[in-house]
Each structure stands twice: as C-alpha cells, then as structure tokens.
C-alpha cells in the first residue's frame, strides 16, 4: 500500500485528491483487523458480539471496496463503517447491567497478579464511564483520546461539520472528567479515615 498523492480532474470545477493506491481487501484486513476490533469494543459492542461485528465490518468493506477512492485514509473509512455497525449492534441489543465487562485489551502477562488486578479494575471503571456517554460523544472521544485521530479525519468519518466534532469532544471530555470526579469523591467518602 503506497502513500502517493494523486490529483484527478473529475470535471472542470472539481479536482479529486487521492491519497494513494487503494489497498486490496487482504492488505486492508491484515493491517486493520485489530483496529476494527478495538474500535468496536470501545464503541460499546459487547465482547460476546465482537467477532460477529468485526466480520460485519469487513463484509461491508469487501462489498464497498470498489467504491473506496482513497480520498480519506483507510483507517478513517473503516472507523466510519465500524461506528455504523456499533450503533446498529447497540440499538438491536439492549445491554444488561449483568453483562460481563471486557477483559484487558492488551496482554497483562508481564504484570504481577496485583498490578493485573488493579489494571483490570481501572479498565472496568473506564468502560463504565464510556457507557454513560451517548453514541455521538463516545465516538468522538474514542477517536481522539484512544485512536489519536485528527478532528478533520473524525469529521470525515462521521460525516459531520468540523465544529460539531469539537463541540462533541468538549462535551465528552467534560462529561468524562465530571464522572471521574464523582467517582473519586464517592471513593474518598467510603474510604476509612486514617491518621
């Protein structure tokens, strides 16, 4: 997969900027399957449904790859598809409070049992905080804070105005920080006093 920039004149008033050659399905799958899985999980797809949702994303990719013109990065395009699949999954499956929370996304083999336990608890808290966000805020928050995508990439992936991305991100960060503050206050009230 190259990174050449190519400009094509579509008509006298429109020039199409193509970021590079379109990757094959196999190249795209091999390079991005972990990103898609991680994104779907972070967007609220239950762990039990992740394999099916990932397969659904790549079925859409396979079907629509001939339409992909490389005007955006493949990662941006895949996020847009994954976001749609995650929304559909969340709408069709009402989540239950008893659903198990996700295991660690990264391997914790090198951690001590105590450190792995603390990390797992932190991850569970993090997912609970994400669950409190609406889909739009959550998507922007995940894209910026976890996937380090730029605001213009997000606007393109979600097909929204750039200012909308900034507004959602500001609201998501505020909501996240407020939730952390409430959680810390609650923990400090329940902690035994020490002298």
Foldseek 3Di string as FASTA:
>chain_A
DDQDWDWDDPDPVDIQIARDDQDDLVVLCVVCLLVLLVLLVLLPQAPVCSVVLSVVLSVVCNVCSVVDRRSDPSSLQSLLSSLVSSVVRCVVDPDDPPRDRDQDSDDCVVPDPVVSVVVRVVSRLVSVLLVVDPSVLSSLCCCCVPVVDDLVSNCVSNVHDSVVSVVSPVVSVVSSVVSVVVVVVVVVVPDDDDD
